[in-house]
Amino acid sequence: MINKNATKTGMKSRVTFKLNSEKAGDFNARRVIVVGDFCDWKVEQGKEMSLLKDGSFSTTITLDAGKSYQFKYVVNPGEADCRWENDERPDDWVTDASGNSNSLVVIE
């Protein structure tokens, strides 16, 4: 799930990314990082998500307005059960040049 809030200037937006507790449980998530265009898809430059009391994971990133960003959640990075997952309700889904389906967030 994503939630967007424009800054006062409207030049940027604070985007909250959330992997719900049901999905986190299905994936046996212990650690989650959001990665995408905004960090060149590098896990080590992605944004670590916080585990919330309800079992979901969440983080907020400030992104430039007027752009679209592809992203995914990396669940249990660096572990044997690591997996890359799409958001269940992004603004859209896109297929990249390698044929992978990615989540899309559009910042207006």
PDB file of N, CA and C in Angstrom:
ATOM      1  N   MET A   1       0.845  -1.163   0.000  1.00  0.00           N
ATOM      2  CA  MET A   1       0.000   0.000   0.000  1.00  0.00           C
ATOM      3  C   MET A   1       0.894   1.230   0.000  1.00  0.00           C
ATOM      4  N   ILE A   2       0.487   2.246  -0.734  1.00  0.00           N
ATOM      5  CA  ILE A   2       1.215   3.502  -0.756  1.00  0.00           C
ATOM      6  C   ILE A   2       0.281   4.644  -0.396  1.00  0.00           C
ATOM      7  N   ASN A   3       0.845   5.640   0.266  1.00  0.00           N
ATOM      8  CA  ASN A   3       0.100   6.847   0.634  1.00  0.00           C
ATOM      9  C   ASN A   3       0.996   8.034   0.320  1.00  0.00           C
ATOM     10  N   LYS A   4       0.466   9.028  -0.400  1.00  0.00           N
ATOM     11  CA  LYS A   4       1.264  10.170  -0.836  1.00  0.00           C
ATOM     12  C   LYS A   4       0.736  11.458  -0.221  1.00  0.00           C
ATOM     13  N   ASN A   5       1.659  12.304   0.250  1.00  0.00           N
ATOM     14  CA  ASN A   5       1.313  13.613   0.786  1.00  0.00           C
ATOM     15  C   ASN A   5       2.287  14.636   0.223  1.00  0.00           C
ATOM     16  N   ALA A   6       1.781  15.595  -0.549  1.00  0.00           N
ATOM     17  CA  ALA A   6       2.627  16.627  -1.144  1.00  0.00           C
ATOM     18  C   ALA A   6       3.202  17.526  -0.054  1.00  0.00           C
ATOM     19  N   THR A   7       4.437  17.981  -0.282  1.00  0.00           N
ATOM     20  CA  THR A   7       5.040  18.951   0.631  1.00  0.00           C
ATOM     21  C   THR A   7       4.389  20.314   0.390  1.00  0.00           C
ATOM     22  N   LYS A   8       4.664  21.275   1.246  1.00  0.00           N
ATOM     23  CA  LYS A   8       4.065  22.613   1.128  1.00  0.00           C
ATOM     24  C   LYS A   8       4.362  23.267  -0.212  1.00  0.00           C
ATOM     25  N   THR A   9       5.557  23.058  -0.733  1.00  0.00           N
ATOM     26  CA  THR A   9       5.935  23.667  -2.016  1.00  0.00           C
ATOM     27  C   THR A   9       5.321  22.933  -3.202  1.00  0.00           C
ATOM     28  N   GLY A  10       4.916  21.678  -2.995  1.00  0.00           N
ATOM     29  CA  GLY A  10       4.365  20.869  -4.073  1.00  0.00           C
ATOM     30  C   GLY A  10       5.422  20.291  -4.997  1.00  0.00           C
ATOM     31  N   MET A  11       6.684  20.567  -4.712  1.00  0.00           N
ATOM     32  CA  MET A  11       7.777  20.080  -5.554  1.00  0.00           C
ATOM     33  C   MET A  11       8.173  18.646  -5.209  1.00  0.00           C
ATOM     34  N   LYS A  12       7.770  18.197  -4.061  1.00  0.00           N
ATOM     35  CA  LYS A  12       8.088  16.848  -3.595  1.00  0.00           C
ATOM     36  C   LYS A  12       6.855  16.254  -2.919  1.00  0.00           C
ATOM     37  N   SER A  13       6.919  14.965  -2.681  1.00  0.00           N
ATOM     38  CA  SER A  13       5.843  14.282  -1.980  1.00  0.00           C
ATOM     39  C   SER A  13       6.452  13.272  -1.018  1.00  0.00           C
ATOM     40  N   ARG A  14       5.870  13.201   0.164  1.00  0.00           N
ATOM     41  CA  ARG A  14       6.283  12.185   1.139  1.00  0.00           C
ATOM     42  C   ARG A  14       5.436  10.945   0.856  1.00  0.00           C
ATOM     43  N   VAL A  15       6.111   9.875   0.479  1.00  0.00           N
ATOM     44  CA  VAL A  15       5.422   8.637   0.100  1.00  0.00           C
ATOM     45  C   VAL A  15       5.663   7.586   1.178  1.00  0.00           C
ATOM     46  N   THR A  16       4.575   7.094   1.737  1.00  0.00           N
ATOM     47  CA  THR A  16       4.667   6.019   2.716  1.00  0.00           C
ATOM     48  C   THR A  16       4.376   4.700   2.017  1.00  0.00           C
ATOM     49  N   PHE A  17       5.327   3.781   2.132  1.00  0.00           N
ATOM     50  CA  PHE A  17       5.213   2.437   1.574  1.00  0.00           C
ATOM     51  C   PHE A  17       4.896   1.497   2.726  1.00  0.00           C
ATOM     52  N   LYS A  18       3.928   0.600   2.521  1.00  0.00           N
ATOM     53  CA  LYS A  18       3.539  -0.307   3.605  1.00  0.00           C
ATOM     54  C   LYS A  18       3.267  -1.703   3.053  1.00  0.00           C
ATOM     55  N   LEU A  19       3.935  -2.682   3.650  1.00  0.00           N
ATOM     56  CA  LEU A  19       3.668  -4.093   3.370  1.00  0.00           C
ATOM     57  C   LEU A  19       2.784  -4.583   4.509  1.00  0.00           C
ATOM     58  N   ASN A  20       1.537  -4.945   4.181  1.00  0.00           N
ATOM     59  CA  ASN A  20       0.584  -5.269   5.253  1.00  0.00           C
ATOM     60  C   ASN A  20       0.973  -6.533   6.026  1.00  0.00           C
ATOM     61  N   SER A  21       0.396  -6.668   7.199  1.00  0.00           N
ATOM     62  CA  SER A  21       0.757  -7.760   8.108  1.00  0.00           C
ATOM     63  C   SER A  21       0.435  -9.138   7.528  1.00  0.00           C
ATOM     64  N   GLU A  22      -0.636  -9.238   6.752  1.00  0.00           N
ATOM     65  CA  GLU A  22      -0.990 -10.530   6.157  1.00  0.00           C
ATOM     66  C   GLU A  22       0.092 -10.984   5.184  1.00  0.00           C
ATOM     67  N   LYS A  23       0.512 -10.076   4.294  1.00  0.00           N
ATOM     68  CA  LYS A  23       1.570 -10.417   3.341  1.00  0.00           C
ATOM     69  C   LYS A  23       2.892 -10.665   4.064  1.00  0.00           C
ATOM     70  N   ALA A  24       3.203  -9.824   5.042  1.00  0.00           N
ATOM     71  CA  ALA A  24       4.445 -10.004   5.810  1.00  0.00           C
ATOM     72  C   ALA A  24       4.461 -11.380   6.469  1.00  0.00           C
ATOM     73  N   GLY A  25       3.320 -11.803   7.005  1.00  0.00           N
ATOM     74  CA  GLY A  25       3.211 -13.120   7.624  1.00  0.00           C
ATOM     75  C   GLY A  25       3.341 -14.238   6.615  1.00  0.00           C
ATOM     76  N   ASP A  26       2.692 -14.067   5.446  1.00  0.00           N
ATOM     77  CA  ASP A  26       2.790 -15.071   4.381  1.00  0.00           C
ATOM     78  C   ASP A  26       4.234 -15.288   3.953  1.00  0.00           C
ATOM     79  N   PHE A  27       5.016 -14.184   3.959  1.00  0.00           N
ATOM     80  CA  PHE A  27       6.408 -14.249   3.514  1.00  0.00           C
ATOM     81  C   PHE A  27       7.378 -14.526   4.659  1.00  0.00           C
ATOM     82  N   ASN A  28       6.850 -14.702   5.887  1.00  0.00           N
ATOM     83  CA  ASN A  28       7.696 -14.880   7.072  1.00  0.00           C
ATOM     84  C   ASN A  28       8.736 -13.756   7.151  1.00  0.00           C
ATOM     85  N   ALA A  29       8.272 -12.521   6.921  1.00  0.00           N
ATOM     86  CA  ALA A  29       9.165 -11.360   6.856  1.00  0.00           C
ATOM     87  C   ALA A  29       9.769 -11.040   8.216  1.00  0.00           C
ATOM     88  N   ARG A  30      11.083 -10.912   8.204  1.00  0.00           N
ATOM     89  CA  ARG A  30      11.830 -10.484   9.389  1.00  0.00           C
ATOM     90  C   ARG A  30      12.459  -9.115   9.160  1.00  0.00           C
ATOM     91  N   ARG A  31      12.679  -8.816   7.893  1.00  0.00           N
ATOM     92  CA  ARG A  31      13.279  -7.548   7.493  1.00  0.00           C
ATOM     93  C   ARG A  31      12.787  -7.229   6.086  1.00  0.00           C
ATOM     94  N   VAL A  32      12.463  -5.955   5.829  1.00  0.00           N
ATOM     95  CA  VAL A  32      11.979  -5.551   4.502  1.00  0.00           C
ATOM     96  C   VAL A  32      12.634  -4.226   4.118  1.00  0.00           C
ATOM     97  N   ILE A  33      13.044  -4.131   2.870  1.00  0.00           N
ATOM     98  CA  ILE A  33      13.624  -2.909   2.308  1.00  0.00           C
ATOM     99  C   ILE A  33      12.849  -2.577   1.038  1.00  0.00           C
ATOM    100  N   VAL A  34      12.507  -1.300   0.848  1.00  0.00           N
ATOM    101  CA  VAL A  34      11.881  -0.877  -0.406  1.00  0.00           C
ATOM    102  C   VAL A  34      12.987  -0.351  -1.314  1.00  0.00           C
ATOM    103  N   VAL A  35      12.987  -0.842  -2.557  1.00  0.00           N
ATOM    104  CA  VAL A  35      13.977  -0.432  -3.554  1.00  0.00           C
ATOM    105  C   VAL A  35      13.249  -0.059  -4.841  1.00  0.00           C
ATOM    106  N   GLY A  36      13.946   0.670  -5.710  1.00  0.00           N
ATOM    107  CA  GLY A  36      13.348   1.044  -6.984  1.00  0.00           C
ATOM    108  C   GLY A  36      14.217   2.020  -7.740  1.00  0.00           C
ATOM    109  N   ASP A  37      13.585   2.727  -8.682  1.00  0.00           N
ATOM    110  CA  ASP A  37      14.285   3.729  -9.478  1.00  0.00           C
ATOM    111  C   ASP A  37      14.992   4.754  -8.600  1.00  0.00           C
ATOM    112  N   PHE A  38      14.383   5.084  -7.487  1.00  0.00           N
ATOM    113  CA  PHE A  38      14.903   6.138  -6.605  1.00  0.00           C
ATOM    114  C   PHE A  38      16.223   5.770  -5.940  1.00  0.00           C
ATOM    115  N   CYS A  39      16.631   4.495  -6.002  1.00  0.00           N
ATOM    116  CA  CYS A  39      17.927   4.074  -5.436  1.00  0.00           C
ATOM    117  C   CYS A  39      18.676   3.170  -6.412  1.00  0.00           C
ATOM    118  N   ASP A  40      18.354   3.302  -7.699  1.00  0.00           N
ATOM    119  CA  ASP A  40      18.990   2.489  -8.747  1.00  0.00           C
ATOM    120  C   ASP A  40      18.864   0.989  -8.485  1.00  0.00           C
ATOM    121  N   TRP A  41      17.794   0.591  -7.804  1.00  0.00           N
ATOM    122  CA  TRP A  41      17.500  -0.814  -7.527  1.00  0.00           C
ATOM    123  C   TRP A  41      18.573  -1.494  -6.674  1.00  0.00           C
ATOM    124  N   LYS A  42      19.372  -0.730  -5.966  1.00  0.00           N
ATOM    125  CA  LYS A  42      20.426  -1.292  -5.120  1.00  0.00           C
ATOM    126  C   LYS A  42      19.890  -1.491  -3.705  1.00  0.00           C
ATOM    127  N   VAL A  43      19.877  -2.740  -3.264  1.00  0.00           N
ATOM    128  CA  VAL A  43      19.327  -3.073  -1.951  1.00  0.00           C
ATOM    129  C   VAL A  43      20.033  -2.293  -0.852  1.00  0.00           C
ATOM    130  N   GLU A  44      21.352  -2.175  -0.958  1.00  0.00           N
ATOM    131  CA  GLU A  44      22.112  -1.474   0.080  1.00  0.00           C
ATOM    132  C   GLU A  44      21.796   0.031   0.125  1.00  0.00           C
ATOM    133  N   GLN A  45      21.174   0.567  -0.928  1.00  0.00           N
ATOM    134  CA  GLN A  45      20.788   1.974  -0.937  1.00  0.00           C
ATOM    135  C   GLN A  45      19.281   2.159  -0.763  1.00  0.00           C
ATOM    136  N   GLY A  46      18.562   1.038  -0.654  1.00  0.00           N
ATOM    137  CA  GLY A  46      17.117   1.097  -0.439  1.00  0.00           C
ATOM    138  C   GLY A  46      16.799   1.597   0.959  1.00  0.00           C
ATOM    139  N   LYS A  47      15.529   1.734   1.240  1.00  0.00           N
ATOM    140  CA  LYS A  47      15.086   2.260   2.528  1.00  0.00           C
ATOM    141  C   LYS A  47      14.538   1.123   3.391  1.00  0.00           C
ATOM    142  N   GLU A  48      15.178   0.926   4.533  1.00  0.00           N
ATOM    143  CA  GLU A  48      14.746  -0.097   5.497  1.00  0.00           C
ATOM    144  C   GLU A  48      13.345   0.263   6.012  1.00  0.00           C
ATOM    145  N   MET A  49      12.494  -0.734   6.105  1.00  0.00           N
ATOM    146  CA  MET A  49      11.138  -0.523   6.596  1.00  0.00           C
ATOM    147  C   MET A  49      11.056  -0.956   8.058  1.00  0.00           C
ATOM    148  N   SER A  50      10.286  -0.223   8.830  1.00  0.00           N
ATOM    149  CA  SER A  50      10.123  -0.519  10.260  1.00  0.00           C
ATOM    150  C   SER A  50       8.998  -1.515  10.466  1.00  0.00           C
ATOM    151  N   LEU A  51       9.216  -2.454  11.375  1.00  0.00           N
ATOM    152  CA  LEU A  51       8.181  -3.403  11.766  1.00  0.00           C
ATOM    153  C   LEU A  51       7.248  -2.714  12.748  1.00  0.00           C
ATOM    154  N   LEU A  52       5.960  -2.672  12.414  1.00  0.00           N
ATOM    155  CA  LEU A  52       4.967  -2.040  13.278  1.00  0.00           C
ATOM    156  C   LEU A  52       4.317  -3.063  14.206  1.00  0.00           C
ATOM    157  N   LYS A  53       3.646  -2.577  15.227  1.00  0.00           N
ATOM    158  CA  LYS A  53       3.015  -3.458  16.224  1.00  0.00           C
ATOM    159  C   LYS A  53       2.020  -4.429  15.615  1.00  0.00           C
ATOM    160  N   ASP A  54       1.361  -4.013  14.509  1.00  0.00           N
ATOM    161  CA  ASP A  54       0.356  -4.883  13.883  1.00  0.00           C
ATOM    162  C   ASP A  54       0.970  -5.942  12.968  1.00  0.00           C
ATOM    163  N   GLY A  55       2.320  -5.968  12.877  1.00  0.00           N
ATOM    164  CA  GLY A  55       2.993  -6.964  12.050  1.00  0.00           C
ATOM    165  C   GLY A  55       3.280  -6.504  10.633  1.00  0.00           C
ATOM    166  N   SER A  56       2.853  -5.288  10.281  1.00  0.00           N
ATOM    167  CA  SER A  56       3.155  -4.742   8.958  1.00  0.00           C
ATOM    168  C   SER A  56       4.510  -4.043   8.994  1.00  0.00           C
ATOM    169  N   PHE A  57       5.028  -3.706   7.817  1.00  0.00           N
ATOM    170  CA  PHE A  57       6.280  -2.966   7.684  1.00  0.00           C
ATOM    171  C   PHE A  57       5.982  -1.669   6.955  1.00  0.00           C
ATOM    172  N   SER A  58       6.624  -0.575   7.375  1.00  0.00           N
ATOM    173  CA  SER A  58       6.344   0.728   6.784  1.00  0.00           C
ATOM    174  C   SER A  58       7.578   1.621   6.786  1.00  0.00           C
ATOM    175  N   THR A  59       7.663   2.488   5.783  1.00  0.00           N
ATOM    176  CA  THR A  59       8.693   3.527   5.729  1.00  0.00           C
ATOM    177  C   THR A  59       8.193   4.659   4.854  1.00  0.00           C
ATOM    178  N   THR A  60       8.764   5.844   5.024  1.00  0.00           N
ATOM    179  CA  THR A  60       8.389   7.011   4.236  1.00  0.00           C
ATOM    180  C   THR A  60       9.624   7.574   3.551  1.00  0.00           C
ATOM    181  N   ILE A  61       9.464   7.900   2.273  1.00  0.00           N
ATOM    182  CA  ILE A  61      10.533   8.468   1.459  1.00  0.00           C
ATOM    183  C   ILE A  61      10.001   9.733   0.797  1.00  0.00           C
ATOM    184  N   THR A  62      10.824  10.775   0.721  1.00  0.00           N
ATOM    185  CA  THR A  62      10.450  11.992   0.005  1.00  0.00           C
ATOM    186  C   THR A  62      10.958  11.877  -1.428  1.00  0.00           C
ATOM    187  N   LEU A  63      10.033  12.004  -2.390  1.00  0.00           N
ATOM    188  CA  LEU A  63      10.356  11.861  -3.805  1.00  0.00           C
ATOM    189  C   LEU A  63       9.937  13.113  -4.575  1.00  0.00           C
ATOM    190  N   ASP A  64      10.617  13.365  -5.693  1.00  0.00           N
ATOM    191  CA  ASP A  64      10.304  14.521  -6.530  1.00  0.00           C
ATOM    192  C   ASP A  64       8.943  14.364  -7.190  1.00  0.00           C
ATOM    193  N   ALA A  65       8.210  15.470  -7.262  1.00  0.00           N
ATOM    194  CA  ALA A  65       6.910  15.494  -7.940  1.00  0.00           C
ATOM    195  C   ALA A  65       7.113  15.500  -9.455  1.00  0.00           C
ATOM    196  N   GLY A  66       6.068  15.119 -10.175  1.00  0.00           N
ATOM    197  CA  GLY A  66       6.120  15.123 -11.627  1.00  0.00           C
ATOM    198  C   GLY A  66       6.826  13.923 -12.226  1.00  0.00           C
ATOM    199  N   LYS A  67       7.013  12.881 -11.421  1.00  0.00           N
ATOM    200  CA  LYS A  67       7.713  11.685 -11.892  1.00  0.00           C
ATOM    201  C   LYS A  67       6.969  10.425 -11.457  1.00  0.00           C
ATOM    202  N   SER A  68       7.311   9.341 -12.130  1.00  0.00           N
ATOM    203  CA  SER A  68       6.830   8.014 -11.738  1.00  0.00           C
ATOM    204  C   SER A  68       8.034   7.186 -11.325  1.00  0.00           C
ATOM    205  N   TYR A  69       7.838   6.316 -10.355  1.00  0.00           N
ATOM    206  CA  TYR A  69       8.924   5.490  -9.837  1.00  0.00           C
ATOM    207  C   TYR A  69       8.482   4.036  -9.779  1.00  0.00           C
ATOM    208  N   GLN A  70       9.303   3.145 -10.341  1.00  0.00           N
ATOM    209  CA  GLN A  70       9.071   1.717 -10.187  1.00  0.00           C
ATOM    210  C   GLN A  70       9.692   1.288  -8.861  1.00  0.00           C
ATOM    211  N   PHE A  71       9.066   0.313  -8.203  1.00  0.00           N
ATOM    212  CA  PHE A  71       9.600  -0.151  -6.923  1.00  0.00           C
ATOM    213  C   PHE A  71       9.150  -1.567  -6.612  1.00  0.00           C
ATOM    214  N   LYS A  72       9.835  -2.171  -5.640  1.00  0.00           N
ATOM    215  CA  LYS A  72       9.479  -3.479  -5.090  1.00  0.00           C
ATOM    216  C   LYS A  72       9.915  -3.533  -3.638  1.00  0.00           C
ATOM    217  N   TYR A  73       9.369  -4.499  -2.916  1.00  0.00           N
ATOM    218  CA  TYR A  73       9.788  -4.774  -1.543  1.00  0.00           C
ATOM    219  C   TYR A  73      10.737  -5.969  -1.572  1.00  0.00           C
ATOM    220  N   VAL A  74      11.893  -5.832  -0.926  1.00  0.00           N
ATOM    221  CA  VAL A  74      12.828  -6.943  -0.796  1.00  0.00           C
ATOM    222  C   VAL A  74      12.627  -7.506   0.609  1.00  0.00           C
ATOM    223  N   VAL A  75      12.079  -8.694   0.670  1.00  0.00           N
ATOM    224  CA  VAL A  75      11.753  -9.344   1.935  1.00  0.00           C
ATOM    225  C   VAL A  75      12.896 -10.269   2.326  1.00  0.00           C
ATOM    226  N   ASN A  76      13.382 -10.110   3.555  1.00  0.00           N
ATOM    227  CA  ASN A  76      14.496 -10.905   4.087  1.00  0.00           C
ATOM    228  C   ASN A  76      15.734 -10.838   3.186  1.00  0.00           C
ATOM    229  N   PRO A  77      16.212  -9.604   2.885  1.00  0.00           N
ATOM    230  CA  PRO A  77      17.365  -9.463   1.990  1.00  0.00           C
ATOM    231  C   PRO A  77      18.611 -10.170   2.523  1.00  0.00           C
ATOM    232  N   GLY A  78      19.324 -10.813   1.593  1.00  0.00           N
ATOM    233  CA  GLY A  78      20.562 -11.501   1.950  1.00  0.00           C
ATOM    234  C   GLY A  78      20.370 -12.856   2.605  1.00  0.00           C
ATOM    235  N   GLU A  79      19.131 -13.296   2.762  1.00  0.00           N
ATOM    236  CA  GLU A  79      18.863 -14.585   3.396  1.00  0.00           C
ATOM    237  C   GLU A  79      18.404 -15.601   2.357  1.00  0.00           C
ATOM    238  N   ALA A  80      18.425 -16.865   2.728  1.00  0.00           N
ATOM    239  CA  ALA A  80      18.053 -17.939   1.802  1.00  0.00           C
ATOM    240  C   ALA A  80      16.623 -17.791   1.289  1.00  0.00           C
ATOM    241  N   ASP A  81      15.735 -17.226   2.118  1.00  0.00           N
ATOM    242  CA  ASP A  81      14.337 -17.072   1.706  1.00  0.00           C
ATOM    243  C   ASP A  81      14.033 -15.658   1.201  1.00  0.00           C
ATOM    244  N   CYS A  82      15.056 -14.946   0.711  1.00  0.00           N
ATOM    245  CA  CYS A  82      14.876 -13.595   0.158  1.00  0.00           C
ATOM    246  C   CYS A  82      13.926 -13.652  -1.040  1.00  0.00           C
ATOM    247  N   ARG A  83      13.068 -12.670  -1.127  1.00  0.00           N
ATOM    248  CA  ARG A  83      12.146 -12.571  -2.261  1.00  0.00           C
ATOM    249  C   ARG A  83      11.861 -11.114  -2.559  1.00  0.00           C
ATOM    250  N   TRP A  84      11.589 -10.803  -3.816  1.00  0.00           N
ATOM    251  CA  TRP A  84      11.235  -9.460  -4.264  1.00  0.00           C
ATOM    252  C   TRP A  84       9.746  -9.476  -4.578  1.00  0.00           C
ATOM    253  N   GLU A  85       9.005  -8.576  -3.942  1.00  0.00           N
ATOM    254  CA  GLU A  85       7.550  -8.589  -4.069  1.00  0.00           C
ATOM    255  C   GLU A  85       7.000  -7.228  -4.481  1.00  0.00           C
ATOM    256  N   ASN A  86       5.942  -7.256  -5.278  1.00  0.00           N
ATOM    257  CA  ASN A  86       5.240  -6.034  -5.656  1.00  0.00           C
ATOM    258  C   ASN A  86       4.283  -5.592  -4.556  1.00  0.00           C
ATOM    259  N   ASP A  87       3.937  -4.326  -4.582  1.00  0.00           N
ATOM    260  CA  ASP A  87       2.901  -3.790  -3.717  1.00  0.00           C
ATOM    261  C   ASP A  87       1.564  -4.336  -4.215  1.00  0.00           C
ATOM    262  N   GLU A  88       0.639  -4.564  -3.307  1.00  0.00           N
ATOM    263  CA  GLU A  88      -0.638  -5.132  -3.744  1.00  0.00           C
ATOM    264  C   GLU A  88      -1.600  -4.090  -4.316  1.00  0.00           C
ATOM    265  N   ARG A  89      -1.382  -2.802  -4.017  1.00  0.00           N
ATOM    266  CA  ARG A  89      -2.253  -1.751  -4.558  1.00  0.00           C
ATOM    267  C   ARG A  89      -1.453  -0.506  -4.971  1.00  0.00           C
ATOM    268  N   PRO A  90      -0.524  -0.658  -5.938  1.00  0.00           N
ATOM    269  CA  PRO A  90       0.233   0.506  -6.397  1.00  0.00           C
ATOM    270  C   PRO A  90      -0.647   1.369  -7.313  1.00  0.00           C
ATOM    271  N   ASP A  91      -0.091   2.468  -7.786  1.00  0.00           N
ATOM    272  CA  ASP A  91      -0.824   3.267  -8.773  1.00  0.00           C
ATOM    273  C   ASP A  91      -0.980   2.499 -10.072  1.00  0.00           C
ATOM    274  N   ASP A  92       0.000   1.650 -10.368  1.00  0.00           N
ATOM    275  CA  ASP A  92      -0.045   0.824 -11.574  1.00  0.00           C
ATOM    276  C   ASP A  92       1.061  -0.228 -11.469  1.00  0.00           C
ATOM    277  N   TRP A  93       1.072  -1.141 -12.430  1.00  0.00           N
ATOM    278  CA  TRP A  93       2.164  -2.101 -12.578  1.00  0.00           C
ATOM    279  C   TRP A  93       2.753  -1.887 -13.956  1.00  0.00           C
ATOM    280  N   VAL A  94       4.062  -2.087 -14.060  1.00  0.00           N
ATOM    281  CA  VAL A  94       4.736  -1.963 -15.351  1.00  0.00           C
ATOM    282  C   VAL A  94       5.676  -3.147 -15.528  1.00  0.00           C
ATOM    283  N   THR A  95       5.992  -3.430 -16.789  1.00  0.00           N
ATOM    284  CA  THR A  95       6.953  -4.480 -17.096  1.00  0.00           C
ATOM    285  C   THR A  95       8.241  -3.811 -17.549  1.00  0.00           C
ATOM    286  N   ASP A  96       9.356  -4.169 -16.917  1.00  0.00           N
ATOM    287  CA  ASP A  96      10.631  -3.554 -17.278  1.00  0.00           C
ATOM    288  C   ASP A  96      11.238  -4.260 -18.491  1.00  0.00           C
ATOM    289  N   ALA A  97      12.402  -3.781 -18.927  1.00  0.00           N
ATOM    290  CA  ALA A  97      13.062  -4.308 -20.122  1.00  0.00           C
ATOM    291  C   ALA A  97      13.444  -5.776 -19.995  1.00  0.00           C
ATOM    292  N   SER A  98      13.576  -6.268 -18.772  1.00  0.00           N
ATOM    293  CA  SER A  98      13.918  -7.681 -18.549  1.00  0.00           C
ATOM    294  C   SER A  98      12.689  -8.572 -18.432  1.00  0.00           C
ATOM    295  N   GLY A  99      11.504  -7.976 -18.529  1.00  0.00           N
ATOM    296  CA  GLY A  99      10.267  -8.739 -18.442  1.00  0.00           C
ATOM    297  C   GLY A  99       9.725  -8.895 -17.035  1.00  0.00           C
ATOM    298  N   ASN A 100      10.315  -8.196 -16.064  1.00  0.00           N
ATOM    299  CA  ASN A 100       9.845  -8.257 -14.676  1.00  0.00           C
ATOM    300  C   ASN A 100       8.681  -7.305 -14.455  1.00  0.00           C
ATOM    301  N   SER A 101       7.717  -7.725 -13.691  1.00  0.00           N
ATOM    302  CA  SER A 101       6.596  -6.872 -13.308  1.00  0.00           C
ATOM    303  C   SER A 101       6.993  -6.075 -12.064  1.00  0.00           C
ATOM    304  N   ASN A 102       6.829  -4.755 -12.119  1.00  0.00           N
ATOM    305  CA  ASN A 102       7.173  -3.887 -10.995  1.00  0.00           C
ATOM    306  C   ASN A 102       5.982  -3.021 -10.609  1.00  0.00           C
ATOM    307  N   SER A 103       5.933  -2.634  -9.358  1.00  0.00           N
ATOM    308  CA  SER A 103       4.932  -1.679  -8.879  1.00  0.00           C
ATOM    309  C   SER A 103       5.339  -0.285  -9.338  1.00  0.00           C
ATOM    310  N   LEU A 104       4.336   0.590  -9.513  1.00  0.00           N
ATOM    311  CA  LEU A 104       4.594   1.960  -9.948  1.00  0.00           C
ATOM    312  C   LEU A 104       3.878   2.925  -9.017  1.00  0.00           C
ATOM    313  N   VAL A 105       4.612   3.952  -8.572  1.00  0.00           N
ATOM    314  CA  VAL A 105       4.002   5.049  -7.834  1.00  0.00           C
ATOM    315  C   VAL A 105       4.166   6.302  -8.687  1.00  0.00           C
ATOM    316  N   VAL A 106       3.080   7.048  -8.871  1.00  0.00           N
ATOM    317  CA  VAL A 106       3.079   8.258  -9.689  1.00  0.00           C
ATOM    318  C   VAL A 106       2.942   9.451  -8.763  1.00  0.00           C
ATOM    319  N   ILE A 107       3.919  10.366  -8.821  1.00  0.00           N
ATOM    320  CA  ILE A 107       3.904  11.566  -7.996  1.00  0.00           C
ATOM    321  C   ILE A 107       3.523  12.740  -8.901  1.00  0.00           C
ATOM    322  N   GLU A 108       2.367  13.319  -8.658  1.00  0.00           N
ATOM    323  CA  GLU A 108       1.899  14.425  -9.510  1.00  0.00           C
ATOM    324  C   GLU A 108       2.340  15.771  -8.996  1.00  0.00           C
TER     325      GLU A 108
END
